[in-house]
Structures are given as structure tokens and as C-alpha cells.
């Protein structure tokens, strides 16, 4: 990796799980009624063709991991499980009232927090409650995030029994010093046990999440973690850059000092080394930060041109409508975004009053939809074009001017009616997307809103 390019392009920028990005949502023109209308429109257009996706946020954790940027509630009181599940199912009922036919579930993902905080019995109650008033798509995919320390065979079997075939485990790093800094102590043996159990139960896709750029993390730490990962050969990997955003997450990301973090050049070397080691054993890079074996659905979707990106990250297939259930969950109708309240008490109170617990969002205009498609193309396929007039927009010449210097640096190629990101430019795809981000270009933030791009 060219050090000068890292220095040049390592700036604050979005990860583009959406466009517009959350800080640029127009909450003044948003309303719950407008959100419902956009979702009903999307549902009518797409349910029978492709189904819908569900994301369910389970926020509870028994201890705080200081690297984590998720919305969570720390508690050891498992009495919170049943009331929360009842609330999520109530929220689902409120959404079902909007539709004139049963939703066809194509994708369902349990995230957190720590989904395996919940007992196997309660997880089955939750999923059965969702499915009892739905239809399963022929090629549905259910997945969940498991904590290697507390995912039991009973968890795996219970979720397998209701249709789950994919699980991802948060590994982060195997070095004890790093684990202590991020308050996530989990030996390799725990990850090995959880991975092997999933395969024994019958899961067809096991994923590991690994993070580089963590406090006290060295090149040797990353190498050791990747080598141990190769020994288990998970079907897919998320190899993320640590997003240091303490100004958003407060004390949750202050378990260490800023000077304990690797410098940008070292951080990029960690990524390049990890990428090299993963390639040697047969992993292929998928979009940004993801890797998969040829047998995994994520790799196949990339080859078929079906790779999609939303608030759940990269997915193997697209649905136009994605409903987020639970505190802080974000929903996407393609025409609009909506986020639930983040506090448990507010969430419960709104549901008691039969109100879908949304507190902010954005309804996309025509310009938003065009720019969203370009950014989605770049993030999923490393190219975009405007041969179709519907993808042209007045500021396109300005965007191409912003990209000219990146072309001179070898990060992309600009053609008459398209651009393509080069291999050299793929690590900088967030920077390339920023050239198309009209809202960001029109109003640069006064303070740092996003993590660094490198």
C-alpha cells in the first residue's frame, strides 16, 4: 500500500450502508405517516416478487465491549428477555396491520447487542411469533450473531430448528493484551468450539468477524489471528477497520487512549497482510471489508451481480423492503428510512400506545434515489454508469471533476459514461463514493461525524 495515498485519503467519511447517510437525513420533512406510506408502496411493488427482509435488534449484553459502537443495554438480569420479545412481536403486529397480504420473508437477521444473551426457548418463541403470520420464500436465509463465549449447542439447535443456517461469531483479535483493552476476553478454544458445534448441528455458513486497528494491536497480532482463523476456515469473514467514534458512543469507546491505537500507515499494513494471508488460503474479497470462500452464497452473489448492501452490511440478495424491529433498528423501504427510538422505556411506552416506535427518518427524493443507486453500484460492484438517462444528474460533471485526481492516482478509470474502481482503488472506495455524495459536498460537517476511511 502506497503510504502517500494513505496519508492523502485517510479522511473522515461514511461507510455507506445507506444514502443519504444518517447525519444527512431530513427529519423536518419526515413523518411516521410518510414512512408508512413509503413502506406500503414498496411492499405492494416487491413482496410477491422478492419478499422482504427483517432485522431484529436484541440489545442486551452481560458486559461492555469497549470497541463496540452498537446500541446496547448492559445487564445480567435475564428477566428482561420475555418483556422485550413481547414488545418486538407487538411491533411486528403493528407493521402487519399495514399490509393487505402476508409478508414473504426472504431474509431474517438477529443482531445486537448479544442475541445469544437470550435463552434458546425465548429465541424460538420470538422467531415462531414472526413466522406464524408470514410466508417463507423458497430461498430464504436466516442468520444470527453469536458470542463465542455463550453460544451453546442448545442455542444453535433451537435456531436451526426454526430455519437458521448461517451464524457469525465476533472474534475481533486473539491477542490477550488487545482483548483486555477492548474488554472482550475469549480464547481461541471458545471460538473453535462454537464454530465446530455450528457445523455439527448443520449450519452451512459460519462466519467470523475480525477487526484491525484495535488498541495495542500489532502486525504480529493480526498475523496470529488470521493464521488461527485459517485453521478453522469459516465460510465467510468480515475483516473490519475499527471505527473509533467516541464522540458518538461516549465512554463505551474510552477503555483506552487514542495514542494506544495503531497509526493509519500501520493500520493499512494490518489490512494488507490480512488480505494477503486470506487470499493464500482461498478467500475472495467481496466488496469492502468482506471475504468469502467460493462455496459461500456471498461469493456466488458477487459473481451473479446480486450482491446488495444495506444496514445489515453486505447481503447475498436484495429485497426492496427491510423492516427493522427492536430498539434503534433502522428500516428501509427503498423510498424511505426510519429508525426506532433508542431507549427501552420509550420503545415500550410507544408500543403500549399502539404506535410504531419510529423517532426519525428520511423520505428519499428523486435525486436521492439516483445517487443512492450510484453509491450502491460502487460499493457492491466497484463500478457505475449513466448509460441509462435515469441515472444522470445535473451535478454529474462536478462529481467527475472531483474524481479526476483519484484517476491520476490510479484509483479508478473514467470512461465516457461510466467509472470503474481499480484494484489499487478498492481500499479507497469510500472516498470515491464521497465524490457522488451531493449532500456531503453541499454541506461539509463542522465536526467529525464519521470514522476514518483508512
Protein backbone atom coordinates (compact mmCIF):
# COMPACT_ATOMS: atom_id res chain seq x y z
CA UNK A 1 0.00 0.00 0.00
CA UNK A 2 1.35 3.38 -1.08
CA UNK A 3 1.96 5.30 2.15
CA UNK A 4 1.43 8.65 0.45
CA UNK A 5 -2.02 7.54 -0.73
CA UNK A 6 -2.96 6.50 2.80
CA UNK A 7 -1.83 9.88 4.12
CA UNK A 8 -3.72 11.66 1.35
CA UNK A 9 -7.03 9.82 1.50
CA UNK A 10 -7.30 8.88 5.18
CA UNK A 11 -10.10 11.28 6.00
CA UNK A 12 -13.39 11.12 7.86
CA UNK A 13 -16.06 9.53 5.68
CA UNK A 14 -19.24 7.41 5.68
CA UNK A 15 -19.33 3.61 5.36
CA UNK A 16 -22.35 3.95 3.08
CA UNK A 17 -24.71 1.36 4.46
CA UNK A 18 -27.27 3.91 3.27
CA UNK A 19 -27.64 7.01 1.17
CA UNK A 20 -28.40 9.57 2.37
CA UNK A 21 -26.24 8.77 5.37
CA UNK A 22 -27.94 9.13 8.75
CA UNK A 23 -26.44 12.57 9.67
CA UNK A 24 -27.94 13.97 6.45
CA UNK A 25 -31.45 12.66 6.90
CA UNK A 26 -34.09 15.37 6.57
CA UNK A 27 -36.12 14.84 9.72
CA UNK A 28 -38.11 18.05 9.18
CA UNK A 29 -39.92 16.61 6.15
CA UNK A 30 -40.18 13.12 7.66
CA UNK A 31 -43.20 11.78 9.50
CA UNK A 32 -44.42 8.40 10.69
CA UNK A 33 -47.30 8.56 8.22
CA UNK A 34 -44.97 9.28 5.30
CA UNK A 35 -42.82 6.35 6.40
CA UNK A 36 -45.82 4.02 6.50
CA UNK A 37 -46.91 5.18 3.03
CA UNK A 38 -43.45 4.55 1.59
CA UNK A 39 -43.32 1.07 3.14
CA UNK A 40 -46.80 0.14 1.89
CA UNK A 41 -45.83 1.28 -1.62
CA UNK A 42 -42.63 -0.77 -1.51
CA UNK A 43 -44.43 -3.81 -0.09
CA UNK A 44 -47.02 -3.76 -2.87
CA UNK A 45 -44.33 -3.48 -5.52
CA UNK A 46 -41.98 -6.15 -4.22
CA UNK A 47 -43.44 -8.62 -1.72
CA UNK A 48 -44.73 -11.12 -4.26
CA UNK A 49 -41.60 -10.79 -6.42
CA UNK A 50 -38.77 -10.96 -3.89
CA UNK A 51 -40.22 -10.89 -0.36
CA UNK A 52 -38.93 -8.69 2.46
CA UNK A 53 -36.03 -8.70 4.92
CA UNK A 54 -36.23 -8.44 8.68
CA UNK A 55 -33.58 -7.21 11.07
CA UNK A 56 -34.27 -7.74 14.78
CA UNK A 57 -32.13 -5.89 17.29
CA UNK A 58 -31.57 -7.69 20.61
CA UNK A 59 -29.74 -5.10 22.71
CA UNK A 60 -28.75 -6.89 25.91
CA UNK A 61 -25.18 -7.81 26.86
CA UNK A 62 -23.81 -9.07 30.15
CA UNK A 63 -20.64 -6.97 29.83
CA UNK A 64 -19.48 -3.95 27.85
CA UNK A 65 -17.00 -4.39 24.97
CA UNK A 66 -15.23 -1.05 24.62
CA UNK A 67 -14.68 -1.38 20.85
CA UNK A 68 -18.42 -1.68 20.20
CA UNK A 69 -20.44 1.07 18.56
CA UNK A 70 -23.80 -0.71 18.81
CA UNK A 71 -26.82 0.34 20.85
CA UNK A 72 -26.80 -1.98 23.87
CA UNK A 73 -28.07 -2.35 27.41
CA UNK A 74 -25.67 -3.95 29.90
CA UNK A 75 -27.37 -6.25 32.41
CA UNK A 76 -27.07 -9.67 33.97
CA UNK A 77 -30.81 -9.79 34.69
CA UNK A 78 -32.32 -12.25 32.22
CA UNK A 79 -35.81 -11.34 33.38
CA UNK A 80 -35.61 -8.65 30.65
CA UNK A 81 -35.92 -11.28 27.90
CA UNK A 82 -39.62 -12.04 27.91
CA UNK A 83 -40.92 -8.43 28.04
CA UNK A 84 -38.61 -7.47 25.20
CA UNK A 85 -39.71 -10.35 22.98
CA UNK A 86 -43.36 -9.49 23.62
CA UNK A 87 -42.64 -5.89 22.62
CA UNK A 88 -40.90 -6.91 19.38
CA UNK A 89 -43.83 -9.15 18.45
CA UNK A 90 -46.21 -6.29 19.21
CA UNK A 91 -44.20 -4.06 16.86
CA UNK A 92 -44.38 -6.76 14.17
CA UNK A 93 -48.17 -6.90 14.61
CA UNK A 94 -48.38 -3.13 14.05
CA UNK A 95 -46.49 -3.49 10.78
CA UNK A 96 -48.65 -6.41 9.66
CA UNK A 97 -51.73 -4.22 10.02
CA UNK A 98 -50.37 -2.06 7.17
CA UNK A 99 -50.27 -4.88 4.64
CA UNK A 100 -53.13 -6.48 2.70
CA UNK A 101 -51.36 -9.84 2.38
CA UNK A 102 -48.92 -11.96 4.35
CA UNK A 103 -45.30 -10.86 4.04
CA UNK A 104 -42.92 -13.29 2.37
CA UNK A 105 -39.78 -13.49 4.49
CA UNK A 106 -36.64 -13.81 2.39
CA UNK A 107 -34.02 -12.73 4.92
CA UNK A 108 -34.04 -12.52 8.69
CA UNK A 109 -31.10 -11.48 10.83
CA UNK A 110 -30.73 -11.32 14.60
CA UNK A 111 -28.21 -8.70 15.70
CA UNK A 112 -27.29 -6.88 18.85
CA UNK A 113 -26.21 -6.48 21.46
CA UNK A 114 -25.80 -10.18 22.02
CA UNK A 115 -28.61 -12.34 20.58
CA UNK A 116 -27.28 -15.35 22.48
CA UNK A 117 -27.91 -13.42 25.72
CA UNK A 118 -31.44 -14.73 25.22
CA UNK A 119 -32.30 -18.31 26.12
CA UNK A 120 -32.88 -20.83 23.29
CA UNK A 121 -36.51 -21.12 24.37
CA UNK A 122 -37.11 -17.38 24.15
CA UNK A 123 -35.42 -17.15 20.76
CA UNK A 124 -37.72 -19.86 19.41
CA UNK A 125 -40.75 -18.01 20.78
CA UNK A 126 -39.56 -14.85 19.02
CA UNK A 127 -38.97 -16.49 15.63
CA UNK A 128 -42.13 -18.57 15.71
CA UNK A 129 -44.07 -15.43 16.60
CA UNK A 130 -42.66 -13.75 13.48
CA UNK A 131 -43.28 -16.73 11.20
CA UNK A 132 -46.78 -17.61 12.38
CA UNK A 133 -48.21 -14.73 10.35
CA UNK A 134 -45.78 -14.85 7.44
CA UNK A 135 -44.78 -16.99 4.46
CA UNK A 136 -41.24 -18.21 3.83
CA UNK A 137 -39.62 -17.52 0.47
CA UNK A 138 -38.27 -20.55 -1.35
CA UNK A 139 -34.66 -19.39 -0.95
CA UNK A 140 -34.93 -17.74 2.46
CA UNK A 141 -31.84 -17.13 4.59
CA UNK A 142 -31.85 -16.74 8.38
CA UNK A 143 -28.71 -15.68 10.23
CA UNK A 144 -27.68 -14.53 13.68
CA UNK A 145 -24.71 -13.07 15.52
CA UNK A 146 -23.37 -15.37 18.21
CA UNK A 147 -21.00 -14.66 21.07
CA UNK A 148 -18.42 -17.50 21.16
CA UNK A 149 -18.40 -17.45 24.97
CA UNK A 150 -22.11 -18.03 25.47
CA UNK A 151 -23.41 -19.68 22.29
CA UNK A 152 -24.44 -23.17 23.35
CA UNK A 153 -25.39 -26.22 21.33
CA UNK A 154 -28.93 -25.60 22.57
CA UNK A 155 -28.88 -22.10 21.02
CA UNK A 156 -27.63 -23.46 17.73
CA UNK A 157 -30.11 -26.33 17.65
CA UNK A 158 -33.10 -24.18 18.63
CA UNK A 159 -32.40 -21.65 15.87
CA UNK A 160 -31.57 -24.39 13.37
CA UNK A 161 -34.97 -25.93 14.08
CA UNK A 162 -36.72 -22.71 13.05
CA UNK A 163 -34.74 -22.23 9.84
CA UNK A 164 -31.35 -20.67 10.65
CA UNK A 165 -28.42 -21.89 8.58
CA UNK A 166 -25.90 -19.07 8.99
CA UNK A 167 -24.15 -17.80 12.10
CA UNK A 168 -21.40 -15.21 12.54
CA UNK A 169 -19.14 -15.03 15.58
CA UNK A 170 -17.42 -11.89 16.81
CA UNK A 171 -13.73 -12.76 17.14
CA UNK A 172 -12.05 -9.32 16.82
CA UNK A 173 -8.50 -10.44 17.82
CA UNK A 174 -6.99 -13.39 19.72
CA UNK A 175 -4.22 -11.47 21.49
CA UNK A 176 -4.82 -11.21 25.23
CA UNK A 177 -3.50 -7.64 25.54
CA UNK A 178 -5.84 -6.45 22.81
CA UNK A 179 -8.73 -8.41 24.30
CA UNK A 180 -8.20 -6.83 27.70
CA UNK A 181 -8.13 -3.35 26.16
CA UNK A 182 -11.47 -3.89 24.41
CA UNK A 183 -12.92 -5.90 27.33
CA UNK A 184 -13.63 -8.94 25.18
CA UNK A 185 -11.85 -11.96 26.65
CA UNK A 186 -12.47 -15.07 24.57
CA UNK A 187 -9.81 -17.73 23.98
CA UNK A 188 -9.34 -19.39 20.60
CA UNK A 189 -10.70 -22.60 22.12
CA UNK A 190 -14.09 -20.95 22.66
CA UNK A 191 -14.31 -19.82 19.03
CA UNK A 192 -13.18 -23.26 17.85
CA UNK A 193 -15.82 -24.95 19.98
CA UNK A 194 -18.60 -22.64 18.78
CA UNK A 195 -17.55 -22.99 15.12
CA UNK A 196 -17.36 -26.77 15.23
CA UNK A 197 -20.67 -27.04 17.09
CA UNK A 198 -22.43 -24.99 14.40
CA UNK A 199 -21.14 -27.30 11.70
CA UNK A 200 -22.08 -30.39 13.66
CA UNK A 201 -25.63 -29.09 14.07
CA UNK A 202 -25.83 -28.47 10.31
CA UNK A 203 -25.12 -24.79 9.67
CA UNK A 204 -23.97 -24.30 6.09
CA UNK A 205 -22.32 -20.91 6.58
CA UNK A 206 -20.20 -19.96 9.59
CA UNK A 207 -18.67 -16.50 9.63
CA UNK A 208 -16.08 -14.76 11.79
CA UNK A 209 -15.79 -11.02 12.40
CA UNK A 210 -12.21 -9.76 12.77
CA UNK A 211 -11.17 -6.16 13.40
CA UNK A 212 -7.90 -4.42 12.59
CA UNK A 213 -6.77 -1.09 14.01
CA UNK A 214 -7.63 -2.03 17.60
CA UNK A 215 -5.72 -0.59 20.59
CA UNK A 216 -2.27 -2.15 21.14
CA UNK A 217 -2.76 -4.30 18.03
CA UNK A 218 0.41 -5.06 16.07
CA UNK A 219 1.16 -6.67 12.72
CA UNK A 220 2.08 -9.88 14.55
CA UNK A 221 -1.26 -9.88 16.38
CA UNK A 222 -3.16 -9.64 13.10
CA UNK A 223 -1.00 -12.35 11.55
CA UNK A 224 -1.58 -14.67 14.50
CA UNK A 225 -5.34 -14.07 14.43
CA UNK A 226 -5.57 -14.74 10.68
CA UNK A 227 -3.48 -17.91 10.96
CA UNK A 228 -5.75 -19.23 13.71
CA UNK A 229 -8.75 -18.27 11.60
CA UNK A 230 -7.34 -20.22 8.66
CA UNK A 231 -7.21 -23.30 10.88
CA UNK A 232 -11.00 -23.11 11.34
CA UNK A 233 -11.74 -21.99 7.74
CA UNK A 234 -15.01 -20.09 8.29
CA UNK A 235 -17.12 -19.80 5.15
CA UNK A 236 -17.03 -16.01 5.20
CA UNK A 237 -15.21 -13.26 7.07
CA UNK A 238 -15.81 -9.66 7.89
CA UNK A 239 -12.38 -8.02 8.24
CA UNK A 240 -13.29 -4.58 9.52
CA UNK A 241 -11.41 -1.41 10.24
CA UNK A 242 -12.09 -0.40 13.84
CA UNK A 243 -14.41 2.63 13.76
CA UNK A 244 -13.18 4.94 16.50
CA UNK A 245 -16.12 7.27 17.15
CA UNK A 246 -16.04 8.07 20.88
CA UNK A 247 -17.72 11.43 20.27
CA UNK A 248 -20.83 9.43 19.32
CA UNK A 249 -20.58 6.46 21.65
CA UNK A 250 -19.20 8.19 24.74
CA UNK A 251 -17.42 6.18 27.41
CA UNK A 252 -18.14 2.91 25.63
CA UNK A 253 -15.17 3.61 23.39
CA UNK A 254 -12.92 5.12 26.03
CA UNK A 255 -11.44 1.99 27.56
CA UNK A 256 -8.07 3.11 26.19
CA UNK A 257 -6.31 6.25 24.99
CA UNK A 258 -6.22 7.49 21.41
CA UNK A 259 -2.43 7.06 21.33
CA UNK A 260 -2.91 3.34 22.01
CA UNK A 261 -4.40 2.95 18.51
CA UNK A 262 -2.22 1.98 15.53
CA UNK A 263 -1.19 4.83 13.24
CA UNK A 264 -3.01 4.92 9.85
CA UNK A 265 0.00 3.50 7.97
CA UNK A 266 0.29 0.56 10.38
CA UNK A 267 -3.45 0.03 10.28
CA UNK A 268 -3.38 -0.22 6.50
CA UNK A 269 -0.45 -2.67 6.66
CA UNK A 270 -2.52 -4.80 9.02
CA UNK A 271 -5.26 -4.91 6.42
CA UNK A 272 -2.92 -5.68 3.52
CA UNK A 273 -1.25 -8.50 5.44
CA UNK A 274 -4.61 -9.97 6.45
CA UNK A 275 -5.88 -9.75 2.88
CA UNK A 276 -2.76 -11.50 1.57
CA UNK A 277 -2.98 -14.32 4.11
CA UNK A 278 -6.68 -14.82 3.42
CA UNK A 279 -6.10 -14.94 -0.35
CA UNK A 280 -3.46 -17.62 0.11
CA UNK A 281 -5.99 -20.00 1.61
CA UNK A 282 -8.76 -19.34 -0.90
CA UNK A 283 -10.74 -16.35 0.39
CA UNK A 284 -12.01 -13.82 -2.13
CA UNK A 285 -12.59 -10.17 -1.31
CA UNK A 286 -16.25 -9.20 -1.53
CA UNK A 287 -17.00 -5.50 -1.82
CA UNK A 288 -15.46 -3.64 1.11
CA UNK A 289 -14.19 -5.45 4.23
CA UNK A 290 -15.73 -8.85 3.43
CA UNK A 291 -14.19 -12.13 2.30
CA UNK A 292 -15.74 -15.47 1.38
CA UNK A 293 -14.86 -18.93 0.12
CA UNK A 294 -16.13 -19.87 -3.34
CA UNK A 295 -18.74 -22.15 -1.79
CA UNK A 296 -20.40 -19.35 0.21
CA UNK A 297 -23.52 -17.54 -1.02
CA UNK A 298 -21.80 -14.15 -0.66
CA UNK A 299 -19.16 -15.12 -3.24
CA UNK A 300 -21.79 -16.53 -5.58
CA UNK A 301 -23.91 -13.40 -5.34
CA UNK A 302 -20.90 -11.25 -6.26
CA UNK A 303 -20.35 -13.36 -9.37
CA UNK A 304 -24.04 -13.18 -10.30
CA UNK A 305 -24.21 -9.43 -9.79
CA UNK A 306 -26.75 -9.86 -6.96
CA UNK A 307 -24.61 -8.53 -4.12
CA UNK A 308 -26.50 -5.95 -2.07
CA UNK A 309 -25.63 -3.60 0.79
CA UNK A 310 -27.89 -2.19 3.46
CA UNK A 311 -27.87 -1.52 7.21
CA UNK A 312 -27.06 -5.20 7.81
CA UNK A 313 -23.90 -4.82 5.68
CA UNK A 314 -23.42 -6.94 2.56
CA UNK A 315 -26.13 -9.47 1.79
CA UNK A 316 -26.31 -12.22 -0.82
CA UNK A 317 -29.61 -10.98 -2.25
CA UNK A 318 -31.67 -7.81 -2.42
CA UNK A 319 -35.09 -7.06 -1.08
CA UNK A 320 -36.64 -3.68 -1.71
CA UNK A 321 -38.17 -3.56 1.76
CA UNK A 322 -36.33 -4.22 5.01
CA UNK A 323 -38.11 -3.82 8.32
CA UNK A 324 -36.09 -3.29 11.48
CA UNK A 325 -37.67 -4.41 14.75
CA UNK A 326 -36.45 -3.58 18.26
CA UNK A 327 -34.80 -0.56 19.83
CA UNK A 328 -32.66 1.57 17.49
CA UNK A 329 -33.35 -0.67 14.47
CA UNK A 330 -33.37 1.01 11.08
CA UNK A 331 -35.88 0.14 8.38
CA UNK A 332 -35.54 0.73 4.65
CA UNK A 333 -38.40 0.85 2.14
CA UNK A 334 -36.05 1.97 -0.67
CA UNK A 335 -38.13 5.15 -0.79
CA UNK A 336 -37.50 5.98 2.85
CA UNK A 337 -35.56 5.19 6.02
CA UNK A 338 -36.91 5.07 9.57
CA UNK A 339 -35.11 4.50 12.86
CA UNK A 340 -36.68 3.30 16.08
CA UNK A 341 -36.19 5.06 19.40
CA UNK A 342 -33.02 4.02 21.20
CA UNK A 343 -34.29 3.86 24.77
CA UNK A 344 -36.04 0.74 26.06
CA UNK A 345 -38.53 2.67 28.12
CA UNK A 346 -39.57 4.90 25.19
CA UNK A 347 -39.81 1.83 22.98
CA UNK A 348 -42.14 0.06 25.41
CA UNK A 349 -44.27 3.15 26.01
CA UNK A 350 -44.91 3.82 22.31
CA UNK A 351 -45.84 0.22 21.66
CA UNK A 352 -48.24 0.28 24.61
CA UNK A 353 -49.99 3.13 22.81
CA UNK A 354 -50.06 1.08 19.58
CA UNK A 355 -47.56 3.41 17.86
CA UNK A 356 -44.77 2.09 15.66
CA UNK A 357 -41.76 3.34 17.70
CA UNK A 358 -40.02 5.39 14.99
CA UNK A 359 -38.40 8.67 16.02
CA UNK A 360 -36.52 9.86 12.95
CA UNK A 361 -36.04 9.09 9.28
CA UNK A 362 -35.78 10.36 5.74
CA UNK A 363 -38.02 10.20 2.68
CA UNK A 364 -35.89 9.99 -0.46
CA UNK A 365 -36.48 12.42 -3.33
CA UNK A 366 -35.66 11.71 -6.98
CA UNK A 367 -32.08 12.97 -6.62
CA UNK A 368 -31.52 10.80 -3.54
CA UNK A 369 -32.66 7.70 -5.41
CA UNK A 370 -30.26 8.34 -8.29
CA UNK A 371 -27.26 8.98 -6.04
CA UNK A 372 -28.17 6.01 -3.87
CA UNK A 373 -28.02 3.72 -6.90
CA UNK A 374 -24.59 5.01 -7.95
CA UNK A 375 -23.17 4.53 -4.45
CA UNK A 376 -24.72 1.07 -4.20
CA UNK A 377 -23.15 0.15 -7.56
CA UNK A 378 -19.73 1.32 -6.40
CA UNK A 379 -19.91 -0.42 -3.02
CA UNK A 380 -21.17 -3.73 -4.45
CA UNK A 381 -19.64 -3.90 -7.93
CA UNK A 382 -16.82 -1.31 -7.88
CA UNK A 383 -18.28 0.39 -10.94
CA UNK A 384 -21.22 2.51 -12.01
CA UNK A 385 -22.52 4.02 -15.24
CA UNK A 386 -25.03 6.51 -16.56
CA UNK A 387 -25.77 4.97 -19.97
CA UNK A 388 -29.36 4.96 -18.76
CA UNK A 389 -30.60 8.55 -18.66
CA UNK A 390 -32.41 7.88 -15.39
CA UNK A 391 -29.00 7.70 -13.67
CA UNK A 392 -27.83 11.08 -14.95
CA UNK A 393 -28.00 14.08 -12.63
CA UNK A 394 -27.11 17.77 -13.10
CA UNK A 395 -24.04 17.70 -10.83
CA UNK A 396 -22.50 14.66 -12.55
CA UNK A 397 -19.78 16.77 -14.28
CA UNK A 398 -18.79 18.17 -10.88
CA UNK A 399 -18.55 14.65 -9.42
CA UNK A 400 -16.28 13.59 -12.27
CA UNK A 401 -14.06 16.62 -11.67
CA UNK A 402 -13.75 15.55 -8.02
CA UNK A 403 -12.74 12.08 -9.21
CA UNK A 404 -10.10 13.30 -11.66
CA UNK A 405 -7.29 13.43 -9.12
CA UNK A 406 -8.20 9.93 -7.90
CA UNK A 407 -7.95 8.76 -11.51
CA UNK A 408 -4.49 10.32 -11.75
CA UNK A 409 -3.56 8.40 -8.60
CA UNK A 410 -4.66 5.16 -10.28
CA UNK A 411 -7.71 4.55 -8.06
CA UNK A 412 -10.27 4.44 -10.87
CA UNK A 413 -10.84 4.81 -14.60
CA UNK A 414 -13.26 7.35 -16.01
CA UNK A 415 -14.91 6.49 -19.32
CA UNK A 416 -17.46 8.42 -21.38
CA UNK A 417 -20.46 7.12 -19.46
CA UNK A 418 -19.03 5.05 -16.61
CA UNK A 419 -16.34 4.72 -13.99
CA UNK A 420 -14.61 1.59 -12.70
CA UNK A 421 -12.61 1.26 -9.48
CA UNK A 422 -9.20 -0.35 -9.95
CA UNK A 423 -7.70 -2.99 -7.68
CA UNK A 424 -5.48 -0.25 -6.30
CA UNK A 425 -8.52 1.89 -5.62
CA UNK A 426 -10.71 -0.67 -3.87
CA UNK A 427 -9.40 0.16 -0.37
CA UNK A 428 -10.45 3.77 -1.08
CA UNK A 429 -13.97 3.04 -2.35
CA UNK A 430 -15.49 5.11 0.49
CA UNK A 431 -13.54 8.15 -0.76
CA UNK A 432 -14.76 7.51 -4.32
CA UNK A 433 -18.36 7.32 -3.16
CA UNK A 434 -17.95 10.64 -1.37
CA UNK A 435 -17.48 12.33 -4.75
CA UNK A 436 -21.07 11.34 -5.60
CA UNK A 437 -22.45 12.25 -2.17
CA UNK A 438 -24.16 15.52 -3.07
CA UNK A 439 -25.46 16.18 0.44
CA UNK A 440 -21.97 15.83 1.89
CA UNK A 441 -20.49 18.02 -0.85
CA UNK A 442 -23.06 20.75 -0.30
CA UNK A 443 -22.63 20.85 3.44
CA UNK A 444 -19.34 19.66 4.86
CA UNK A 445 -19.73 18.84 8.57
CA UNK A 446 -18.39 21.30 11.12
CA UNK A 447 -17.33 18.45 13.41
CA UNK A 448 -16.18 14.90 12.75
CA UNK A 449 -19.25 12.74 12.06
CA UNK A 450 -17.67 9.62 10.62
CA UNK A 451 -14.80 7.22 11.25
CA UNK A 452 -11.62 7.49 9.15
CA UNK A 453 -11.77 5.91 5.71
CA UNK A 454 -8.46 4.03 6.01
